[in-house]
Protein backbone atom coordinates (compact mmCIF):
# COMPACT_ATOMS: atom_id res chain seq x y z
CA LEU A 1 40.84 17.55 -54.43
CA VAL A 2 39.24 19.80 -51.47
CA PRO A 3 36.53 21.03 -53.63
CA ALA A 4 35.52 17.58 -54.63
CA LEU A 5 35.82 16.15 -51.38
CA GLY A 6 34.02 18.83 -49.78
CA SER A 7 31.27 18.46 -52.35
CA ARG A 8 30.97 14.79 -51.55
CA LEU A 9 30.76 15.49 -47.65
CA ALA A 10 28.11 18.01 -48.20
CA ALA A 11 25.93 15.26 -49.74
CA LEU A 12 26.71 12.80 -47.09
CA GLY A 13 24.36 12.84 -44.03
CA PRO A 14 26.20 12.83 -40.75
CA HIS A 15 25.20 9.27 -39.99
CA GLU A 16 26.70 7.69 -43.22
CA ARG A 17 29.57 5.54 -42.92
CA GLU A 18 30.94 6.63 -46.23
CA LEU A 19 31.86 9.65 -44.34
CA LEU A 20 34.79 8.08 -42.95
CA PRO A 21 37.10 7.97 -45.85
CA VAL A 22 36.16 11.44 -46.83
CA PHE A 23 37.12 12.82 -43.48
CA GLU A 24 40.29 10.79 -43.35
CA CYS A 25 41.44 12.35 -46.69
CA LEU A 26 40.50 15.92 -45.91
CA THR A 27 42.15 15.50 -42.56
CA SER A 28 45.33 14.86 -44.25
CA LEU A 29 44.59 17.51 -46.84
CA ALA A 30 43.95 20.18 -44.37
CA ILE A 31 47.42 19.49 -42.47
CA ALA A 32 49.26 19.69 -45.44
CA ALA A 33 48.00 22.39 -47.31
CA GLY A 34 47.33 24.79 -44.30
CA ARG A 35 46.17 28.16 -45.27
CA HIS A 36 45.67 27.16 -48.69
CA ILE A 37 42.42 25.84 -47.96
CA ASP A 38 41.30 28.81 -46.17
CA THR A 39 38.29 29.44 -48.41
CA TYR A 40 36.83 25.74 -47.73
CA ALA A 41 37.39 25.72 -43.97
CA PRO A 42 34.14 27.13 -42.85
CA ALA A 43 32.19 24.19 -44.86
CA LEU A 44 34.19 21.81 -43.29
CA PHE A 45 34.49 22.85 -39.72
CA ASP A 46 30.60 23.14 -39.83
CA ALA A 47 30.00 19.75 -41.31
CA ALA A 48 32.69 17.95 -38.92
CA LEU A 49 30.98 19.61 -36.02
CA ARG A 50 27.32 18.95 -37.31
CA CYS A 51 28.54 15.36 -37.31
CA VAL A 52 29.84 15.21 -33.60
CA THR A 53 27.01 16.94 -32.47
CA THR A 54 24.38 14.44 -34.40
CA GLN A 55 26.48 11.57 -33.03
CA LEU A 56 26.11 12.72 -29.53
CA GLN A 57 22.71 13.13 -29.73
CA LEU A 58 22.16 9.75 -31.44
CA ARG A 59 24.01 8.34 -28.49
CA ALA A 60 22.02 10.43 -25.87
CA ASP A 61 18.74 9.54 -27.09
CA PRO A 62 18.83 6.79 -29.67
CA SER A 63 15.12 7.28 -30.56
CA SER A 64 16.53 10.49 -32.45
CA GLY A 65 17.59 8.01 -35.22
CA GLY A 66 14.25 7.16 -35.69
CA GLY A 67 15.12 3.78 -35.88
CA ARG A 68 17.28 3.89 -38.96
CA HIS A 69 20.60 5.15 -37.23
CA GLU A 70 22.68 4.58 -34.18
CA TYR A 71 25.51 6.22 -32.55
CA ASP A 72 28.84 5.79 -34.53
CA ARG A 73 32.06 5.95 -32.70
CA GLU A 74 34.04 6.08 -35.81
CA ILE A 75 32.19 8.85 -37.12
CA HIS A 76 32.54 10.65 -34.03
CA VAL A 77 36.50 9.96 -33.85
CA CYS A 78 37.02 10.86 -37.18
CA ALA A 79 34.65 13.98 -37.24
CA LEU A 80 36.70 15.28 -34.25
CA ASP A 81 40.24 14.51 -36.38
CA LEU A 82 39.11 16.66 -39.23
CA VAL A 83 38.73 19.71 -36.66
CA SER A 84 41.99 18.83 -35.48
CA GLY A 85 43.59 18.62 -38.90
CA LEU A 86 41.93 22.06 -39.58
CA ALA A 87 43.27 23.24 -36.16
CA GLU A 88 46.83 21.99 -37.16
CA GLY A 89 46.82 23.34 -40.56
CA LEU A 90 45.16 26.63 -40.09
CA GLY A 91 46.49 27.71 -36.78
CA ALA A 92 45.16 31.32 -35.66
CA SER A 93 42.96 31.22 -38.82
CA LEU A 94 40.68 28.95 -37.30
CA ASP A 95 39.80 31.43 -34.50
CA PRO A 96 36.57 32.99 -36.07
CA LEU A 97 35.42 29.90 -36.42
CA VAL A 98 35.76 28.24 -33.17
CA GLY A 99 34.61 31.52 -31.31
CA PRO A 100 30.97 31.28 -31.99
CA SER A 101 30.51 27.89 -32.10
CA GLN A 102 29.84 25.01 -29.24
CA LEU A 103 33.41 23.23 -30.24
CA MET A 104 34.88 23.73 -26.91
CA GLN A 105 31.58 21.98 -25.11
CA VAL A 106 32.31 19.14 -27.62
CA VAL A 107 35.97 18.86 -26.94
CA VAL A 108 35.63 18.78 -23.24
CA ALA A 109 33.05 16.04 -23.63
CA ALA A 110 35.19 13.97 -25.85
CA CYS A 111 38.18 14.57 -23.27
CA CYS A 112 35.91 12.73 -20.58
CA ASP A 113 34.52 10.25 -23.07
CA GLU A 114 34.43 6.37 -21.98
CA ALA A 115 35.89 5.25 -25.12
CA ALA A 116 39.57 5.79 -24.97
CA ASP A 117 39.77 6.44 -28.79
CA VAL A 118 37.34 9.36 -28.48
CA ARG A 119 39.46 10.82 -25.46
CA GLN A 120 42.47 10.05 -27.90
CA SER A 121 41.12 12.61 -30.57
CA GLY A 122 39.67 14.99 -28.06
CA PHE A 123 42.70 15.69 -26.15
CA ALA A 124 44.67 15.97 -29.93
CA LEU A 125 42.45 18.56 -30.40
CA VAL A 126 42.86 20.54 -27.23
CA GLY A 127 46.70 20.38 -28.13
CA ASP A 128 46.14 21.75 -31.52
CA LEU A 129 43.50 24.26 -30.66
CA SER A 130 45.86 25.50 -27.89
CA ARG A 131 48.51 26.14 -30.35
CA GLY A 132 46.41 28.60 -32.43
CA CYS A 133 43.21 29.56 -30.65
CA VAL A 134 44.08 29.04 -26.79
CA SER A 135 41.97 32.19 -25.81
CA HIS A 136 38.89 29.81 -26.56
CA VAL A 137 40.59 26.71 -24.62
CA ALA A 138 41.43 28.87 -21.43
CA PRO A 139 37.95 29.26 -19.91
CA ARG A 140 37.59 25.08 -20.17
CA ALA A 141 41.31 24.66 -19.14
CA GLN A 142 40.28 23.29 -15.69
CA ASP A 143 37.74 21.05 -17.30
CA VAL A 144 40.33 19.31 -19.40
CA VAL A 145 42.72 19.09 -16.96
CA GLY A 146 40.41 17.34 -14.76
CA ALA A 147 39.83 15.02 -17.85
CA ALA A 148 43.51 14.51 -18.24
CA LEU A 149 44.00 13.86 -14.31
CA ALA A 150 41.68 10.89 -14.96
CA CYS A 151 43.51 10.00 -18.21
CA LEU A 152 46.85 9.64 -16.47
CA ALA A 153 45.05 7.67 -13.27
CA PRO A 154 48.01 5.26 -12.48
CA GLU A 155 45.29 2.47 -11.89
CA LEU A 156 43.92 3.36 -15.57
CA LEU A 157 47.48 3.21 -17.20
CA THR A 158 48.32 -0.08 -15.53
CA ALA A 159 44.80 -2.02 -15.89
CA GLN A 160 44.02 -4.15 -18.46
CA ARG A 161 41.01 -3.11 -20.22
CA ALA A 162 38.74 -4.82 -22.67
CA GLU A 163 39.25 -2.09 -25.15
CA GLY A 164 43.05 -2.65 -25.47
CA THR A 165 45.48 -0.98 -23.28
CA GLY A 166 47.19 0.33 -26.71
CA THR A 167 44.29 2.64 -27.19
CA ILE A 168 44.23 3.69 -23.44
CA MET A 169 48.08 4.58 -23.56
CA LYS A 170 47.24 6.56 -26.41
CA ALA A 171 44.67 8.57 -25.12
CA ALA A 172 46.99 9.15 -22.10
CA ASN A 173 49.83 10.15 -24.26
CA ASN A 174 47.66 12.81 -26.15
CA ALA A 175 46.22 13.90 -22.60
CA CYS A 176 49.91 14.63 -21.26
CA TRP A 177 50.85 16.29 -24.47
CA ALA A 178 47.68 18.28 -24.42
CA VAL A 179 48.16 19.88 -21.17
CA GLY A 180 51.88 20.59 -22.02
CA GLU A 181 50.58 22.62 -24.98
CA MET A 182 47.94 24.51 -22.73
CA ALA A 183 50.85 25.32 -20.05
CA LEU A 184 52.94 26.61 -23.11
CA LYS A 185 50.59 28.98 -24.54
CA LEU A 186 48.32 30.15 -21.27
CA PRO A 187 49.11 33.43 -19.98
CA PRO A 188 51.50 33.28 -16.85
CA GLY A 189 50.20 32.10 -13.49
CA SER A 190 47.07 30.46 -15.46
CA THR A 191 48.48 26.98 -14.57
CA THR A 192 48.93 27.63 -10.79
CA ALA A 193 45.37 26.00 -9.73
CA TRP A 194 46.43 22.61 -11.14
CA ALA A 195 50.25 22.34 -11.70
CA GLU A 196 50.70 20.49 -8.45
CA PRO A 197 48.18 18.03 -9.14
CA LEU A 198 49.23 17.39 -12.43
CA ALA A 199 52.90 17.06 -11.56
CA GLU A 200 51.96 14.26 -8.99
CA ARG A 201 50.64 12.69 -12.05
CA LEU A 202 53.40 12.80 -14.38
CA THR A 203 55.72 11.94 -11.46
CA VAL A 204 54.02 8.39 -11.34
CA ILE A 205 54.58 8.21 -14.96
CA LEU A 206 58.05 9.05 -14.65
CA THR A 207 59.22 7.18 -11.84
CA THR A 208 57.56 3.89 -13.59
CA GLY A 209 59.78 4.23 -16.50
CA PRO A 210 60.43 3.06 -19.98
CA SER A 211 60.30 -0.69 -19.06
CA ARG A 212 56.46 -0.57 -17.80
CA LEU A 213 55.04 2.59 -20.23
CA PRO A 214 55.67 3.59 -23.84
CA ARG A 215 58.66 5.48 -24.30
CA SER A 216 56.43 8.22 -26.02
CA LEU A 217 54.56 8.88 -22.78
CA ILE A 218 57.74 9.07 -20.86
CA ASP A 219 58.68 11.29 -23.16
CA ASN A 220 55.77 13.80 -23.39
CA ALA A 221 55.64 13.56 -19.46
CA ALA A 222 59.16 14.82 -19.25
CA ILE A 223 58.34 17.84 -21.75
CA THR A 224 54.92 18.55 -19.91
CA MET A 225 56.68 18.69 -16.41
CA GLY A 226 59.04 21.25 -17.77
CA ARG A 227 56.45 23.23 -19.02
CA LEU A 228 54.29 23.19 -16.02
CA ALA A 229 57.47 24.13 -14.48
CA ALA A 230 58.39 27.02 -16.44
CA SER A 231 54.81 28.47 -15.91
CA ALA A 232 54.40 27.62 -12.14
CA PRO A 233 58.05 27.35 -10.76
CA GLN A 234 57.22 28.19 -7.13
CA GLN A 235 54.54 25.70 -6.85
CA LEU A 236 57.03 22.79 -8.52
CA ALA A 237 60.06 23.67 -7.07
CA GLN A 238 59.09 22.56 -3.57
CA HIS A 239 57.99 19.32 -4.94
CA LEU A 240 61.45 18.79 -6.85
CA PRO A 241 62.91 16.28 -4.34
CA HIS A 242 60.04 13.87 -5.60
CA PHE A 243 60.58 13.76 -9.49
CA CYS A 244 64.13 15.66 -9.88
CA MET A 245 65.91 12.51 -10.93
CA PRO A 246 63.41 10.40 -12.99
CA TRP A 247 62.76 14.12 -14.89
CA CYS A 248 66.11 14.42 -15.59
CA GLN A 249 66.44 10.77 -16.95
CA GLY A 250 63.55 11.34 -19.14
CA LEU A 251 64.74 14.63 -20.48
CA ARG A 252 68.03 12.86 -21.57
CA ASN A 253 66.36 10.46 -23.63
CA ILE A 254 64.59 13.44 -25.88
CA ARG A 255 65.88 14.57 -29.09
CA ASP A 256 67.07 18.01 -29.80
CA ASP A 257 63.72 20.24 -30.50
CA VAL A 258 61.98 23.42 -29.51
CA GLU A 259 59.93 21.04 -27.23
CA LYS A 260 63.10 20.09 -25.33
CA GLU A 261 64.02 23.65 -25.15
CA THR A 262 60.83 24.54 -23.38
CA ALA A 263 61.18 21.40 -20.92
CA PHE A 264 64.83 22.44 -19.98
CA THR A 265 63.67 25.98 -19.56
CA GLY A 266 61.33 24.78 -16.79
CA LEU A 267 63.97 22.69 -15.42
CA CYS A 268 66.38 25.54 -14.73
CA ALA A 269 63.50 27.74 -13.21
CA VAL A 270 63.20 25.02 -10.40
CA LEU A 271 66.43 24.41 -9.92
CA ARG A 272 67.10 28.43 -9.57
CA LEU A 273 64.37 28.22 -6.79
CA ASN A 274 65.61 24.76 -5.29
CA PRO A 275 69.10 23.32 -6.34
CA ALA A 276 69.20 21.01 -3.38
CA PRO A 277 67.47 17.84 -5.00
CA ALA A 278 70.36 17.82 -7.64
CA MET A 279 73.37 18.74 -5.17
CA PRO A 280 75.99 16.19 -5.22
CA PRO A 281 76.30 13.84 -3.38
CA ALA A 282 72.36 13.46 -4.37
CA PRO A 283 71.84 10.54 -7.23
CA ALA A 284 70.17 13.22 -9.24
CA TRP A 285 73.43 15.08 -9.80
CA ALA A 286 74.69 12.62 -12.44
CA ALA A 287 71.14 12.78 -14.05
CA LEU A 288 71.16 16.42 -14.42
CA ALA A 289 74.88 16.18 -15.91
CA SER A 290 73.43 13.73 -18.30
CA ALA A 291 70.36 15.68 -19.38
CA ILE A 292 72.33 18.49 -19.89
CA ALA A 293 75.26 16.64 -21.96
CA SER A 294 72.31 15.00 -23.98
CA TRP A 295 72.02 18.20 -26.09
CA ARG A 296 74.16 17.79 -29.33
CA SER A 297 73.91 21.53 -29.82
CA VAL A 298 71.75 24.09 -27.95
CA ALA A 299 70.35 26.48 -30.85
CA ASN A 300 68.31 28.86 -27.97
CA ALA A 301 71.20 31.12 -26.93
CA SER A 302 69.01 32.10 -23.83
CA LEU A 303 68.48 28.72 -22.83
CA ARG A 304 72.17 28.03 -23.16
CA ALA A 305 73.08 30.87 -20.94
CA GLU A 306 70.39 29.60 -18.40
CA MET A 307 71.84 25.98 -18.20
CA ALA A 308 75.44 27.48 -18.07
CA ALA A 309 74.48 29.75 -14.93
CA VAL A 310 72.51 26.94 -13.35
CA MET A 311 75.69 24.63 -13.48
CA GLN A 312 78.21 27.31 -12.83
CA ALA A 313 75.77 28.07 -9.46
CA TYR A 314 76.49 24.35 -8.74
CA LYS A 315 80.30 24.99 -9.37
CA GLN A 316 80.58 28.01 -7.04
CA SER A 317 78.51 26.05 -4.26
CA LEU A 318 80.44 22.93 -3.92
CA THR A 319 83.73 25.00 -4.59
CA ALA A 320 83.01 26.91 -1.31
CA GLN A 321 82.66 23.48 0.23
CA GLY A 322 85.59 22.12 -1.41
CA THR A 323 83.83 19.26 -2.98
CA TRP A 324 83.68 20.51 -6.74
CA GLN A 325 86.09 18.05 -7.93
CA GLN A 326 84.87 15.32 -6.20
CA ALA A 327 81.41 16.00 -7.75
CA LEU A 328 83.08 16.36 -11.23
CA GLY A 329 85.06 12.86 -10.60
CA ALA A 330 81.93 11.31 -9.87
CA LEU A 331 80.84 11.52 -13.46
CA GLU A 332 82.01 9.53 -16.21
CA GLY A 333 85.10 11.11 -18.10
CA PRO A 334 83.46 11.93 -21.03
CA LEU A 335 80.44 13.31 -19.74
CA ALA A 336 82.32 15.42 -17.32
CA GLN A 337 84.22 16.83 -20.00
CA LYS A 338 81.17 17.74 -22.03
CA LEU A 339 79.29 19.31 -19.33
CA CYS A 340 82.82 21.65 -18.79
CA SER A 341 82.61 22.54 -22.20
CA MET A 342 79.33 23.13 -22.72
CA CYS A 343 78.59 25.11 -19.35
CA ASP A 344 82.01 26.88 -19.09
CA LEU A 345 82.93 25.09 -16.13
């Protein structure tokens, strides 16, 4: 399938709409086949990047189409999606292709695009590149975060736009996820310059809640907050009173997986530095207990021990004050029992 589709791709010009189904097929195949398409990856990568740059040129200078071709946003998006599929399928194997190319310049432009569907694809590509080629993302991380901050602006998320709020939310969702992937993969200390402004955006999302925003955006905000907290705990711990409760409420609803593990690693890190926001009788106490008890099983032994240590520190402090039993009694019976069992309380 890939050789046949690759030949078809090579035969089409970067402005022909027949590209769309070819791009879509190749994107799905790249994700599914992974390293099995290594041989074809350079040609596919070059073709996709050529289409993106051609479309950007047509938009910047319509006369470059010779009166026969105009900017086509769908081709722009589908070409970005193919590169994203290659990044997801090949991981670090895509690195030699990304390095000498102008891909990151194109990606940052996509994240800043006025069209929400282009932003959606741009941030998806950032996230996929962060997983396997983060060394190429790192130099442009500040630019990506700037674009994400704009994409996550409260007024944009709540506004009714002609292009449709669904697309705006999908772009915001990808922006939220992408910066979380960057925070997870960038070297320690790399996020300190932008952790606080980004946490401010995430706090608005978490406090707005699922009644007004998509559940997927709330989930990604909670996970990304945790990854930021793990990467820059000192910066976020001081602001914990502003978002501790909605953050714990968001974490409670996430299914058990690796992403949840990384989020709770950050939660434990900031609570170690600043336990007061969840200290009973603070309302966040019950939310924290519910978040921890939401785990069916914590496969990561280190995280399991860290959560237990955090809760045992609360018990020690409250016992010294003579209020531990009162704090435990403020929780519903089954919740208190599970918390005690999970954390050896």
